[in-house]
N, C-alpha and C. Protein backbone atom coordinates (compact mmCIF):
# COMPACT_ATOMS: atom_id res chain seq x y z
N MET A 1 50.97 -2.99 -137.47
CA MET A 1 51.28 -2.58 -136.11
C MET A 1 50.08 -2.90 -135.24
N SER A 2 50.30 -3.49 -134.06
CA SER A 2 49.20 -3.83 -133.17
C SER A 2 48.76 -2.61 -132.37
N ASP A 3 47.69 -2.78 -131.62
CA ASP A 3 47.14 -1.67 -130.83
C ASP A 3 48.07 -1.19 -129.73
N HIS A 4 48.92 -2.07 -129.23
CA HIS A 4 49.76 -1.72 -128.08
C HIS A 4 51.13 -1.19 -128.48
N GLU A 5 51.49 -1.26 -129.74
CA GLU A 5 52.78 -0.75 -130.18
C GLU A 5 52.71 0.75 -130.35
N VAL A 6 53.83 1.40 -130.12
CA VAL A 6 53.93 2.85 -130.23
C VAL A 6 54.59 3.18 -131.57
N ASP A 7 54.04 4.15 -132.26
CA ASP A 7 54.59 4.60 -133.53
C ASP A 7 55.80 5.49 -133.24
N VAL A 8 57.03 4.95 -133.48
CA VAL A 8 58.24 5.70 -133.17
C VAL A 8 58.55 6.75 -134.23
N SER A 9 57.89 6.70 -135.37
CA SER A 9 58.14 7.68 -136.42
C SER A 9 57.39 8.99 -136.16
N ALA A 10 56.50 9.01 -135.18
CA ALA A 10 55.77 10.22 -134.86
C ALA A 10 56.71 11.25 -134.26
N LYS A 11 56.49 12.49 -134.62
CA LYS A 11 57.35 13.56 -134.12
C LYS A 11 56.98 13.90 -132.68
N PRO A 12 57.96 14.39 -131.91
CA PRO A 12 57.64 14.79 -130.54
C PRO A 12 56.70 16.00 -130.53
N ILE A 13 55.95 16.10 -129.49
CA ILE A 13 54.98 17.18 -129.36
C ILE A 13 55.70 18.43 -128.85
N GLU A 14 55.54 19.53 -129.54
CA GLU A 14 56.20 20.78 -129.16
C GLU A 14 55.56 21.38 -127.91
N ASN A 15 54.23 21.48 -127.92
CA ASN A 15 53.52 22.09 -126.81
C ASN A 15 52.32 21.22 -126.46
N ALA A 16 52.40 20.54 -125.32
CA ALA A 16 51.33 19.62 -124.93
C ALA A 16 50.02 20.34 -124.65
N TRP A 17 50.06 21.63 -124.29
CA TRP A 17 48.85 22.37 -123.99
C TRP A 17 48.02 22.65 -125.23
N GLU A 18 48.61 22.55 -126.39
CA GLU A 18 47.89 22.78 -127.64
C GLU A 18 47.25 21.52 -128.20
N MET A 19 47.48 20.39 -127.54
CA MET A 19 46.89 19.13 -128.00
C MET A 19 45.38 19.18 -127.84
N LYS A 20 44.68 18.64 -128.81
CA LYS A 20 43.23 18.56 -128.73
C LYS A 20 42.87 17.27 -128.02
N ILE A 21 42.16 17.41 -126.90
CA ILE A 21 41.73 16.24 -126.14
C ILE A 21 40.36 15.82 -126.65
N PRO A 22 40.22 14.57 -127.07
CA PRO A 22 38.91 14.14 -127.58
C PRO A 22 37.87 14.14 -126.47
N GLU A 23 36.64 14.53 -126.80
CA GLU A 23 35.55 14.55 -125.83
C GLU A 23 35.11 13.13 -125.52
N PHE A 24 34.74 12.93 -124.27
CA PHE A 24 34.21 11.64 -123.82
C PHE A 24 32.75 11.58 -124.25
N CYS A 25 32.38 10.60 -125.03
CA CYS A 25 31.02 10.53 -125.53
C CYS A 25 30.33 9.24 -125.05
N LYS A 26 29.06 9.16 -125.30
CA LYS A 26 28.25 8.04 -124.84
C LYS A 26 28.74 6.69 -125.37
N GLU A 27 29.29 6.69 -126.56
CA GLU A 27 29.77 5.46 -127.16
C GLU A 27 31.03 4.93 -126.47
N ASP A 28 31.75 5.80 -125.72
CA ASP A 28 32.95 5.38 -125.01
C ASP A 28 32.62 4.52 -123.79
N ASN A 29 31.42 4.64 -123.26
CA ASN A 29 30.98 3.85 -122.10
C ASN A 29 29.53 3.43 -122.32
N PRO A 30 29.29 2.48 -123.22
CA PRO A 30 27.91 2.12 -123.57
C PRO A 30 27.13 1.44 -122.45
N HIS A 31 27.81 0.86 -121.46
CA HIS A 31 27.12 0.12 -120.41
C HIS A 31 26.83 0.96 -119.18
N GLY A 32 27.30 2.18 -119.14
CA GLY A 32 27.03 3.05 -118.00
C GLY A 32 27.92 2.74 -116.81
N LEU A 33 27.52 3.24 -115.65
CA LEU A 33 28.29 3.08 -114.43
C LEU A 33 27.80 1.88 -113.63
N VAL A 34 28.69 1.30 -112.84
CA VAL A 34 28.35 0.12 -112.06
C VAL A 34 27.70 0.51 -110.74
N GLU A 35 28.24 1.53 -110.08
CA GLU A 35 27.76 1.95 -108.77
C GLU A 35 27.12 3.33 -108.83
N GLU A 36 26.24 3.60 -107.88
CA GLU A 36 25.63 4.93 -107.78
C GLU A 36 26.50 5.79 -106.87
N SER A 37 26.74 7.02 -107.27
CA SER A 37 27.48 7.98 -106.47
C SER A 37 26.59 9.17 -106.21
N SER A 38 26.79 9.81 -105.05
CA SER A 38 26.01 11.00 -104.74
C SER A 38 26.84 11.95 -103.89
N PHE A 39 26.53 13.23 -104.01
CA PHE A 39 27.16 14.27 -103.23
C PHE A 39 26.08 15.24 -102.77
N ALA A 40 26.22 15.72 -101.54
CA ALA A 40 25.28 16.69 -101.00
C ALA A 40 26.06 17.91 -100.50
N THR A 41 25.44 19.06 -100.59
CA THR A 41 26.02 20.31 -100.12
C THR A 41 24.95 21.13 -99.41
N LEU A 42 25.32 21.71 -98.30
CA LEU A 42 24.40 22.59 -97.57
C LEU A 42 24.48 23.99 -98.15
N PHE A 43 23.38 24.71 -98.07
CA PHE A 43 23.37 26.10 -98.53
C PHE A 43 22.76 26.99 -97.45
N PRO A 44 23.15 28.26 -97.42
CA PRO A 44 22.60 29.17 -96.41
C PRO A 44 21.14 29.52 -96.70
N LYS A 45 20.43 29.92 -95.67
CA LYS A 45 19.00 30.21 -95.76
C LYS A 45 18.70 31.31 -96.79
N TYR A 46 19.58 32.32 -96.89
CA TYR A 46 19.31 33.43 -97.81
C TYR A 46 19.38 33.01 -99.28
N ARG A 47 19.96 31.83 -99.59
CA ARG A 47 20.03 31.35 -100.97
C ARG A 47 18.79 30.57 -101.39
N GLU A 48 17.91 30.28 -100.43
CA GLU A 48 16.76 29.42 -100.70
C GLU A 48 15.86 29.96 -101.82
N LYS A 49 15.53 31.23 -101.77
CA LYS A 49 14.63 31.80 -102.77
C LYS A 49 15.23 31.67 -104.18
N TYR A 50 16.50 32.03 -104.32
CA TYR A 50 17.14 31.94 -105.64
C TYR A 50 17.21 30.50 -106.11
N LEU A 51 17.58 29.58 -105.22
CA LEU A 51 17.70 28.18 -105.61
C LEU A 51 16.36 27.57 -106.01
N ARG A 52 15.29 27.96 -105.33
CA ARG A 52 13.95 27.47 -105.73
C ARG A 52 13.61 27.93 -107.15
N GLU A 53 13.97 29.16 -107.48
CA GLU A 53 13.68 29.69 -108.82
C GLU A 53 14.55 29.03 -109.88
N ALA A 54 15.81 28.79 -109.55
CA ALA A 54 16.76 28.26 -110.54
C ALA A 54 16.79 26.74 -110.59
N TRP A 55 16.16 26.06 -109.63
CA TRP A 55 16.28 24.61 -109.56
C TRP A 55 15.77 23.86 -110.79
N PRO A 56 14.65 24.26 -111.41
CA PRO A 56 14.26 23.56 -112.65
C PRO A 56 15.34 23.65 -113.74
N LEU A 57 16.05 24.77 -113.80
CA LEU A 57 17.15 24.90 -114.77
C LEU A 57 18.30 23.97 -114.42
N VAL A 58 18.59 23.84 -113.13
CA VAL A 58 19.65 22.94 -112.67
C VAL A 58 19.30 21.50 -113.04
N GLN A 59 18.08 21.09 -112.73
CA GLN A 59 17.66 19.72 -113.05
C GLN A 59 17.69 19.46 -114.55
N ASN A 60 17.27 20.42 -115.33
CA ASN A 60 17.26 20.27 -116.79
C ASN A 60 18.67 20.13 -117.34
N SER A 61 19.60 20.94 -116.84
CA SER A 61 20.97 20.88 -117.36
C SER A 61 21.67 19.59 -116.96
N LEU A 62 21.33 19.03 -115.81
CA LEU A 62 21.98 17.79 -115.36
C LEU A 62 21.29 16.53 -115.89
N SER A 63 19.99 16.61 -116.20
CA SER A 63 19.28 15.41 -116.65
C SER A 63 19.80 14.92 -118.00
N GLY A 64 20.29 15.81 -118.83
CA GLY A 64 20.87 15.40 -120.11
C GLY A 64 22.11 14.55 -119.95
N GLN A 65 22.77 14.66 -118.80
CA GLN A 65 23.96 13.87 -118.52
C GLN A 65 23.64 12.62 -117.69
N GLY A 66 22.37 12.45 -117.32
CA GLY A 66 21.98 11.29 -116.52
C GLY A 66 22.17 11.50 -115.03
N ILE A 67 22.21 12.74 -114.59
CA ILE A 67 22.37 13.07 -113.17
C ILE A 67 21.04 13.54 -112.61
N LYS A 68 20.68 13.03 -111.44
CA LYS A 68 19.46 13.48 -110.76
C LYS A 68 19.86 14.50 -109.70
N ALA A 69 19.08 15.57 -109.60
CA ALA A 69 19.35 16.63 -108.63
C ALA A 69 18.13 16.81 -107.74
N GLU A 70 18.38 16.95 -106.44
CA GLU A 70 17.30 17.13 -105.48
C GLU A 70 17.60 18.34 -104.61
N LEU A 71 16.57 19.13 -104.32
CA LEU A 71 16.68 20.30 -103.46
C LEU A 71 15.83 20.05 -102.22
N ASP A 72 16.44 20.10 -101.05
CA ASP A 72 15.73 19.92 -99.79
C ASP A 72 15.82 21.23 -99.01
N VAL A 73 14.73 22.02 -99.06
CA VAL A 73 14.75 23.32 -98.40
C VAL A 73 14.54 23.21 -96.89
N VAL A 74 14.01 22.10 -96.42
CA VAL A 74 13.84 21.90 -94.98
C VAL A 74 15.21 21.75 -94.30
N GLU A 75 16.06 20.90 -94.89
CA GLU A 75 17.41 20.70 -94.36
C GLU A 75 18.39 21.74 -94.88
N GLY A 76 18.04 22.40 -95.97
CA GLY A 76 18.95 23.36 -96.58
C GLY A 76 20.09 22.67 -97.31
N SER A 77 19.75 21.64 -98.11
CA SER A 77 20.78 20.89 -98.82
C SER A 77 20.40 20.65 -100.27
N MET A 78 21.43 20.46 -101.06
CA MET A 78 21.28 20.08 -102.47
C MET A 78 21.99 18.75 -102.64
N LEU A 79 21.41 17.87 -103.45
CA LEU A 79 21.96 16.54 -103.66
C LEU A 79 22.03 16.26 -105.15
N VAL A 80 23.15 15.73 -105.60
CA VAL A 80 23.28 15.24 -106.98
C VAL A 80 23.71 13.78 -106.91
N LYS A 81 23.13 12.96 -107.79
CA LYS A 81 23.48 11.54 -107.80
C LYS A 81 23.38 10.98 -109.20
N THR A 82 24.13 9.93 -109.43
CA THR A 82 24.12 9.28 -110.74
C THR A 82 22.88 8.42 -110.86
N SER A 83 22.56 8.08 -112.09
CA SER A 83 21.43 7.18 -112.36
C SER A 83 21.92 6.10 -113.31
N ARG A 84 21.03 5.23 -113.70
CA ARG A 84 21.41 4.17 -114.65
C ARG A 84 21.73 4.73 -116.03
N LYS A 85 21.25 5.93 -116.31
CA LYS A 85 21.50 6.56 -117.61
C LYS A 85 22.82 7.32 -117.66
N THR A 86 23.52 7.45 -116.54
CA THR A 86 24.79 8.18 -116.50
C THR A 86 25.85 7.37 -117.21
N TRP A 87 26.54 7.99 -118.16
CA TRP A 87 27.57 7.29 -118.91
C TRP A 87 28.95 7.92 -118.71
N ASP A 88 29.01 9.17 -118.29
CA ASP A 88 30.29 9.85 -118.08
C ASP A 88 30.66 9.76 -116.60
N PRO A 89 31.73 9.05 -116.26
CA PRO A 89 32.07 8.88 -114.84
C PRO A 89 32.53 10.17 -114.16
N TYR A 90 32.99 11.15 -114.90
CA TYR A 90 33.50 12.39 -114.31
C TYR A 90 32.41 13.44 -114.10
N ILE A 91 31.26 13.25 -114.70
CA ILE A 91 30.20 14.27 -114.64
C ILE A 91 29.67 14.45 -113.22
N ILE A 92 29.72 13.42 -112.38
CA ILE A 92 29.23 13.57 -111.02
C ILE A 92 30.11 14.53 -110.23
N LEU A 93 31.40 14.54 -110.50
CA LEU A 93 32.30 15.49 -109.83
C LEU A 93 32.05 16.92 -110.32
N LYS A 94 31.75 17.05 -111.59
CA LYS A 94 31.41 18.37 -112.12
C LYS A 94 30.08 18.86 -111.55
N ALA A 95 29.12 17.95 -111.39
CA ALA A 95 27.83 18.31 -110.79
C ALA A 95 28.01 18.71 -109.33
N ARG A 96 28.89 18.01 -108.63
CA ARG A 96 29.20 18.37 -107.24
C ARG A 96 29.77 19.79 -107.17
N ASP A 97 30.71 20.09 -108.07
CA ASP A 97 31.29 21.44 -108.09
C ASP A 97 30.24 22.49 -108.42
N MET A 98 29.30 22.13 -109.29
CA MET A 98 28.24 23.07 -109.66
C MET A 98 27.36 23.42 -108.47
N ILE A 99 26.95 22.42 -107.67
CA ILE A 99 26.09 22.75 -106.53
C ILE A 99 26.87 23.47 -105.43
N LYS A 100 28.18 23.20 -105.34
CA LYS A 100 29.00 23.95 -104.38
C LYS A 100 29.06 25.42 -104.76
N LEU A 101 29.20 25.69 -106.05
CA LEU A 101 29.23 27.07 -106.52
C LEU A 101 27.88 27.75 -106.29
N LEU A 102 26.79 27.03 -106.54
CA LEU A 102 25.46 27.60 -106.29
C LEU A 102 25.27 27.93 -104.82
N ALA A 103 25.80 27.09 -103.93
CA ALA A 103 25.69 27.35 -102.49
C ALA A 103 26.51 28.56 -102.08
N ARG A 104 27.52 28.90 -102.86
CA ARG A 104 28.40 30.03 -102.54
C ARG A 104 28.02 31.29 -103.30
N SER A 105 26.78 31.39 -103.70
CA SER A 105 26.22 32.59 -104.33
C SER A 105 26.73 32.86 -105.75
N VAL A 106 27.19 31.84 -106.44
CA VAL A 106 27.55 31.99 -107.85
C VAL A 106 26.27 31.82 -108.65
N PRO A 107 25.96 32.73 -109.58
CA PRO A 107 24.74 32.60 -110.38
C PRO A 107 24.73 31.30 -111.21
N PHE A 108 23.54 30.80 -111.49
CA PHE A 108 23.39 29.54 -112.23
C PHE A 108 24.12 29.57 -113.56
N GLU A 109 24.02 30.68 -114.29
CA GLU A 109 24.64 30.78 -115.61
C GLU A 109 26.15 30.58 -115.55
N GLN A 110 26.78 31.06 -114.47
CA GLN A 110 28.22 30.88 -114.30
C GLN A 110 28.54 29.49 -113.77
N ALA A 111 27.76 29.01 -112.81
CA ALA A 111 28.01 27.69 -112.21
C ALA A 111 27.83 26.57 -113.23
N MET A 112 26.95 26.76 -114.18
CA MET A 112 26.69 25.74 -115.20
C MET A 112 27.92 25.52 -116.09
N LYS A 113 28.81 26.50 -116.16
CA LYS A 113 29.99 26.38 -117.02
C LYS A 113 30.93 25.26 -116.59
N VAL A 114 30.86 24.82 -115.32
CA VAL A 114 31.73 23.72 -114.89
C VAL A 114 31.38 22.41 -115.57
N LEU A 115 30.18 22.32 -116.11
CA LEU A 115 29.80 21.10 -116.82
C LEU A 115 30.48 20.98 -118.18
N GLN A 116 31.04 22.08 -118.65
CA GLN A 116 31.75 22.06 -119.93
C GLN A 116 33.15 21.51 -119.72
N VAL A 117 33.74 21.02 -120.79
CA VAL A 117 35.05 20.39 -120.72
C VAL A 117 36.15 21.40 -120.39
N THR A 118 36.04 22.61 -120.88
CA THR A 118 37.14 23.57 -120.78
C THR A 118 37.17 24.34 -119.47
N TYR A 119 36.17 24.19 -118.61
CA TYR A 119 36.11 24.95 -117.36
C TYR A 119 36.30 24.03 -116.17
N SER A 120 36.80 24.62 -115.10
CA SER A 120 36.81 23.94 -113.80
C SER A 120 36.32 24.93 -112.76
N SER A 121 35.96 24.44 -111.59
CA SER A 121 35.41 25.33 -110.57
C SER A 121 36.45 26.30 -110.03
N THR A 122 37.73 25.97 -110.14
CA THR A 122 38.76 26.88 -109.67
C THR A 122 38.87 28.10 -110.58
N LYS A 123 38.54 27.96 -111.85
CA LYS A 123 38.55 29.11 -112.76
C LYS A 123 37.42 30.06 -112.47
N LEU A 124 36.30 29.54 -111.94
CA LEU A 124 35.13 30.36 -111.70
C LEU A 124 35.10 31.00 -110.32
N ARG A 125 35.94 30.56 -109.42
CA ARG A 125 35.91 31.08 -108.03
C ARG A 125 36.47 32.45 -107.94
């Protein structure tokens, strides 16, 4: 059987929600991304102190995925962008959701959960 043929002897799926979705790994995209993407979010002045304290944790959690994070306290903005080391195309959207949650007073420990496969920002709001 070739790669494009469908196995008709397979049984129908009873419950699609119980299917195990394989994780996207570095070997699935060995060449990385072609273009750089970035997202910025403004935060209120009262969040500045907390964000300054938590920012090294934010950078550390995103650097493993190849995402660069910048905090600009003068403008009151947070920026996330892809780098040449980024291999997961969806991680930039998760990083965007993470900084949006941080701007909305969600603690870092909770906002970091959006980087996991099983969470989305709508579950944490």
